[in-house]
Amino acid sequence: MDNERVVKKYLRKIKRLLPACRKDKSDIINMIKDNLEIKTADNPSKDISEIIEEFGAPSDVAAAYIEQMGTAQIIERFAFRKKIVMAVLFLIIGILFIWGIYVMAVFIDAHNTIHHDPENDTYTIETISEGIVSDDNISELNLSNTGLDTSSIER
């Protein structure tokens, strides 16, 4: 395997184990990478896998840096992550709630459309004519064939 790929894989494993922010992780990984390069330059006869073996397993290297970080800093990082997770969770729940209301409104509208009762509908019919309806010309209106109740028309 290529030396550069071995180093990248080793550093990636360490990076995943570190409970630090992105900047701190990058600083720690760069420091480890620099130390690996120095050790490689000092020992040209050694293979990179031997040098990595001397450094220790990724979990051991990460544990060493965690011990140096201090409890307060680690707790702060986890508390920040917890806040982010909670904010995302509430956002997802809010979106699902709004979506649920929308789906329910569509369902109710569809239900009302399917179970439509035309006898309970109320219609308003407005007509516009050129003249005003009066007692003289009301007889000209033939409302009896329309099926409308004409008893309420004032004469």
C-alpha atoms as a PDB file:
ATOM      1  CA  MET A   1       0.000   0.000   0.000  1.00  0.00           C
ATOM      2  CA  ASP A   2       1.170   3.534  -0.767  1.00  0.00           C
ATOM      3  CA  ASN A   3       2.779   5.331   2.219  1.00  0.00           C
ATOM      4  CA  GLU A   4       0.588   8.404   1.794  1.00  0.00           C
ATOM      5  CA  ARG A   5      -2.602   6.311   1.820  1.00  0.00           C
ATOM      6  CA  VAL A   6      -1.475   4.480   4.964  1.00  0.00           C
ATOM      7  CA  VAL A   7      -0.845   7.779   6.745  1.00  0.00           C
ATOM      8  CA  LYS A   8      -4.191   9.237   5.614  1.00  0.00           C
ATOM      9  CA  LYS A   9      -6.053   6.154   6.810  1.00  0.00           C
ATOM     10  CA  TYR A  10      -4.264   6.286  10.185  1.00  0.00           C
ATOM     11  CA  LEU A  11      -4.985   9.993  10.638  1.00  0.00           C
ATOM     12  CA  ARG A  12      -8.643   9.560   9.592  1.00  0.00           C
ATOM     13  CA  LYS A  13      -9.108   6.913  12.301  1.00  0.00           C
ATOM     14  CA  ILE A  14      -7.616   9.224  14.925  1.00  0.00           C
ATOM     15  CA  LYS A  15      -9.724  12.160  13.719  1.00  0.00           C
ATOM     16  CA  ARG A  16     -12.970  10.166  14.115  1.00  0.00           C
ATOM     17  CA  LEU A  17     -12.097   9.378  17.729  1.00  0.00           C
ATOM     18  CA  LEU A  18     -11.352  12.943  18.825  1.00  0.00           C
ATOM     19  CA  PRO A  19     -14.196  14.806  20.610  1.00  0.00           C
ATOM     20  CA  ALA A  20     -13.138  18.246  19.456  1.00  0.00           C
ATOM     21  CA  CYS A  21     -14.364  20.903  17.075  1.00  0.00           C
ATOM     22  CA  ARG A  22     -13.255  20.790  13.454  1.00  0.00           C
ATOM     23  CA  LYS A  23     -10.512  23.382  13.950  1.00  0.00           C
ATOM     24  CA  ASP A  24      -9.072  21.623  17.003  1.00  0.00           C
ATOM     25  CA  LYS A  25      -9.200  18.283  15.221  1.00  0.00           C
ATOM     26  CA  SER A  26      -7.376  19.735  12.228  1.00  0.00           C
ATOM     27  CA  ASP A  27      -4.713  21.224  14.483  1.00  0.00           C
ATOM     28  CA  ILE A  28      -4.191  17.909  16.293  1.00  0.00           C
ATOM     29  CA  ILE A  29      -4.105  15.907  13.046  1.00  0.00           C
ATOM     30  CA  ASN A  30      -1.628  18.355  11.502  1.00  0.00           C
ATOM     31  CA  MET A  31       0.575  18.046  14.596  1.00  0.00           C
ATOM     32  CA  ILE A  32       0.502  14.236  14.402  1.00  0.00           C
ATOM     33  CA  LYS A  33       1.202  14.377  10.657  1.00  0.00           C
ATOM     34  CA  ASP A  34       4.197  16.681  11.247  1.00  0.00           C
ATOM     35  CA  ASN A  35       5.521  14.312  13.922  1.00  0.00           C
ATOM     36  CA  LEU A  36       5.140  11.368  11.522  1.00  0.00           C
ATOM     37  CA  GLU A  37       7.051  13.260   8.816  1.00  0.00           C
ATOM     38  CA  ILE A  38       9.850  14.135  11.260  1.00  0.00           C
ATOM     39  CA  LYS A  39      10.068  10.544  12.464  1.00  0.00           C
ATOM     40  CA  THR A  40      10.116   9.294   8.848  1.00  0.00           C
ATOM     41  CA  ALA A  41      12.879  11.759   7.918  1.00  0.00           C
ATOM     42  CA  ASP A  42      14.930  10.722  10.982  1.00  0.00           C
ATOM     43  CA  ASN A  43      14.530   7.009  10.169  1.00  0.00           C
ATOM     44  CA  PRO A  44      14.672   6.594   6.373  1.00  0.00           C
ATOM     45  CA  SER A  45      15.341   2.868   6.675  1.00  0.00           C
ATOM     46  CA  LYS A  46      12.069   2.211   8.504  1.00  0.00           C
ATOM     47  CA  ASP A  47       8.795   1.542   6.720  1.00  0.00           C
ATOM     48  CA  ILE A  48       5.888   3.924   7.427  1.00  0.00           C
ATOM     49  CA  SER A  49       3.850   1.101   8.961  1.00  0.00           C
ATOM     50  CA  GLU A  50       6.642   0.507  11.508  1.00  0.00           C
ATOM     51  CA  ILE A  51       6.709   4.198  12.380  1.00  0.00           C
ATOM     52  CA  ILE A  52       2.923   4.247  12.778  1.00  0.00           C
ATOM     53  CA  GLU A  53       3.182   1.173  14.978  1.00  0.00           C
ATOM     54  CA  GLU A  54       5.625   3.064  17.222  1.00  0.00           C
ATOM     55  CA  PHE A  55       3.146   5.930  17.515  1.00  0.00           C
ATOM     56  CA  GLY A  56       0.460   3.532  18.712  1.00  0.00           C
ATOM     57  CA  ALA A  57      -3.035   2.509  17.774  1.00  0.00           C
ATOM     58  CA  PRO A  58      -5.350   5.340  16.707  1.00  0.00           C
ATOM     59  CA  SER A  59      -7.423   4.879  19.872  1.00  0.00           C
ATOM     60  CA  ASP A  60      -4.304   5.226  22.052  1.00  0.00           C
ATOM     61  CA  VAL A  61      -3.162   8.375  20.241  1.00  0.00           C
ATOM     62  CA  ALA A  62      -6.650   9.912  20.476  1.00  0.00           C
ATOM     63  CA  ALA A  63      -6.849   8.986  24.179  1.00  0.00           C
ATOM     64  CA  ALA A  64      -3.537  10.754  24.823  1.00  0.00           C
ATOM     65  CA  TYR A  65      -4.855  13.964  23.261  1.00  0.00           C
ATOM     66  CA  ILE A  66      -8.179  13.630  25.090  1.00  0.00           C
ATOM     67  CA  GLU A  67      -6.314  13.477  28.407  1.00  0.00           C
ATOM     68  CA  GLN A  68      -4.541  16.713  27.497  1.00  0.00           C
ATOM     69  CA  MET A  69      -7.771  18.448  26.486  1.00  0.00           C
ATOM     70  CA  GLY A  70      -9.320  18.484  29.924  1.00  0.00           C
ATOM     71  CA  THR A  71     -12.732  17.528  31.132  1.00  0.00           C
ATOM     72  CA  ALA A  72     -14.321  20.984  30.779  1.00  0.00           C
ATOM     73  CA  GLN A  73     -13.421  21.257  27.112  1.00  0.00           C
ATOM     74  CA  ILE A  74     -14.727  17.756  26.340  1.00  0.00           C
ATOM     75  CA  ILE A  75     -18.009  18.403  28.186  1.00  0.00           C
ATOM     76  CA  GLU A  76     -18.401  21.697  26.333  1.00  0.00           C
ATOM     77  CA  ARG A  77     -17.964  19.945  22.976  1.00  0.00           C
ATOM     78  CA  PHE A  78     -20.531  17.272  23.786  1.00  0.00           C
ATOM     79  CA  ALA A  79     -22.987  19.880  25.117  1.00  0.00           C
ATOM     80  CA  PHE A  80     -22.673  21.841  21.856  1.00  0.00           C
ATOM     81  CA  ARG A  81     -23.268  18.681  19.817  1.00  0.00           C
ATOM     82  CA  LYS A  82     -26.312  17.892  21.947  1.00  0.00           C
ATOM     83  CA  LYS A  83     -27.743  21.363  21.276  1.00  0.00           C
ATOM     84  CA  ILE A  84     -27.243  20.918  17.534  1.00  0.00           C
ATOM     85  CA  VAL A  85     -28.914  17.496  17.586  1.00  0.00           C
ATOM     86  CA  MET A  86     -31.861  18.850  19.592  1.00  0.00           C
ATOM     87  CA  ALA A  87     -32.299  21.829  17.236  1.00  0.00           C
ATOM     88  CA  VAL A  88     -32.315  19.545  14.196  1.00  0.00           C
ATOM     89  CA  LEU A  89     -34.737  17.184  15.924  1.00  0.00           C
ATOM     90  CA  PHE A  90     -37.169  20.011  16.757  1.00  0.00           C
ATOM     91  CA  LEU A  91     -36.905  21.316  13.193  1.00  0.00           C
ATOM     92  CA  ILE A  92     -37.780  17.883  11.800  1.00  0.00           C
ATOM     93  CA  ILE A  93     -40.690  17.511  14.242  1.00  0.00           C
ATOM     94  CA  GLY A  94     -41.975  20.978  13.277  1.00  0.00           C
ATOM     95  CA  ILE A  95     -41.796  20.184   9.573  1.00  0.00           C
ATOM     96  CA  LEU A  96     -43.604  16.877  10.136  1.00  0.00           C
ATOM     97  CA  PHE A  97     -46.285  18.646  12.197  1.00  0.00           C
ATOM     98  CA  ILE A  98     -46.928  21.240   9.476  1.00  0.00           C
ATOM     99  CA  TRP A  99     -46.945  18.524   6.833  1.00  0.00           C
ATOM    100  CA  GLY A 100     -49.440  16.526   8.918  1.00  0.00           C
ATOM    101  CA  ILE A 101     -51.779  19.509   9.144  1.00  0.00           C
ATOM    102  CA  TYR A 102     -51.544  19.979   5.383  1.00  0.00           C
ATOM    103  CA  VAL A 103     -52.288  16.293   4.696  1.00  0.00           C
ATOM    104  CA  MET A 104     -55.233  16.391   7.086  1.00  0.00           C
ATOM    105  CA  ALA A 105     -56.659  19.491   5.365  1.00  0.00           C
ATOM    106  CA  VAL A 106     -56.344  17.794   1.983  1.00  0.00           C
ATOM    107  CA  PHE A 107     -58.005  14.663   3.375  1.00  0.00           C
ATOM    108  CA  ILE A 108     -60.893  16.664   4.838  1.00  0.00           C
ATOM    109  CA  ASP A 109     -61.346  18.534   1.561  1.00  0.00           C
ATOM    110  CA  ALA A 110     -61.357  15.246  -0.384  1.00  0.00           C
ATOM    111  CA  HIS A 111     -63.800  13.730   2.097  1.00  0.00           C
ATOM    112  CA  ASN A 112     -66.145  16.692   1.767  1.00  0.00           C
ATOM    113  CA  THR A 113     -65.943  16.502  -2.011  1.00  0.00           C
ATOM    114  CA  ILE A 114     -66.777  12.791  -2.071  1.00  0.00           C
ATOM    115  CA  HIS A 115     -69.630  13.078   0.441  1.00  0.00           C
ATOM    116  CA  HIS A 116     -71.170  16.195  -1.094  1.00  0.00           C
ATOM    117  CA  ASP A 117     -74.893  16.714  -0.340  1.00  0.00           C
ATOM    118  CA  PRO A 118     -76.423  18.895  -3.080  1.00  0.00           C
ATOM    119  CA  GLU A 119     -79.699  19.358  -1.156  1.00  0.00           C
ATOM    120  CA  ASN A 120     -77.920  21.382   1.515  1.00  0.00           C
ATOM    121  CA  ASP A 121     -76.318  23.746  -0.981  1.00  0.00           C
ATOM    122  CA  THR A 122     -77.487  27.313  -1.051  1.00  0.00           C
ATOM    123  CA  TYR A 123     -77.325  29.195  -4.299  1.00  0.00           C
ATOM    124  CA  THR A 124     -77.713  32.868  -4.917  1.00  0.00           C
ATOM    125  CA  ILE A 125     -78.940  33.866  -8.340  1.00  0.00           C
ATOM    126  CA  GLU A 126     -78.438  37.429  -9.368  1.00  0.00           C
ATOM    127  CA  THR A 127     -79.712  38.831 -12.592  1.00  0.00           C
ATOM    128  CA  ILE A 128     -78.950  42.144 -14.096  1.00  0.00           C
ATOM    129  CA  SER A 129     -81.517  43.584 -16.434  1.00  0.00           C
ATOM    130  CA  GLU A 130     -81.715  46.798 -18.316  1.00  0.00           C
ATOM    131  CA  GLY A 131     -84.798  47.957 -16.551  1.00  0.00           C
ATOM    132  CA  ILE A 132     -86.019  47.798 -13.026  1.00  0.00           C
ATOM    133  CA  VAL A 133     -88.504  45.106 -12.183  1.00  0.00           C
ATOM    134  CA  SER A 134     -91.742  46.699 -11.184  1.00  0.00           C
ATOM    135  CA  ASP A 135     -95.328  45.586 -10.742  1.00  0.00           C
ATOM    136  CA  ASP A 136     -95.957  46.417 -14.406  1.00  0.00           C
ATOM    137  CA  ASN A 137     -93.255  44.208 -15.937  1.00  0.00           C
ATOM    138  CA  ILE A 138     -93.009  41.441 -13.318  1.00  0.00           C
ATOM    139  CA  SER A 139     -95.604  39.488 -15.201  1.00  0.00           C
ATOM    140  CA  GLU A 140     -93.244  39.456 -18.162  1.00  0.00           C
ATOM    141  CA  LEU A 141     -90.725  37.424 -16.177  1.00  0.00           C
ATOM    142  CA  ASN A 142     -91.430  33.754 -16.601  1.00  0.00           C
ATOM    143  CA  LEU A 143     -90.098  32.355 -13.341  1.00  0.00           C
ATOM    144  CA  SER A 144     -92.476  29.467 -13.070  1.00  0.00           C
ATOM    145  CA  ASN A 145     -90.459  27.269 -15.472  1.00  0.00           C
ATOM    146  CA  THR A 146     -87.175  27.717 -13.590  1.00  0.00           C
ATOM    147  CA  GLY A 147     -88.154  25.643 -10.583  1.00  0.00           C
ATOM    148  CA  LEU A 148     -87.394  28.528  -8.226  1.00  0.00           C
ATOM    149  CA  ASP A 149     -89.692  29.542  -5.401  1.00  0.00           C
ATOM    150  CA  THR A 150     -91.329  32.712  -6.669  1.00  0.00           C
ATOM    151  CA  SER A 151     -93.585  33.228  -3.668  1.00  0.00           C
ATOM    152  CA  SER A 152     -91.019  35.433  -1.935  1.00  0.00           C
ATOM    153  CA  ILE A 153     -90.922  37.984  -4.740  1.00  0.00           C
ATOM    154  CA  GLU A 154     -92.641  41.153  -3.615  1.00  0.00           C
ATOM    155  CA  ARG A 155     -95.265  42.554  -5.901  1.00  0.00           C
END
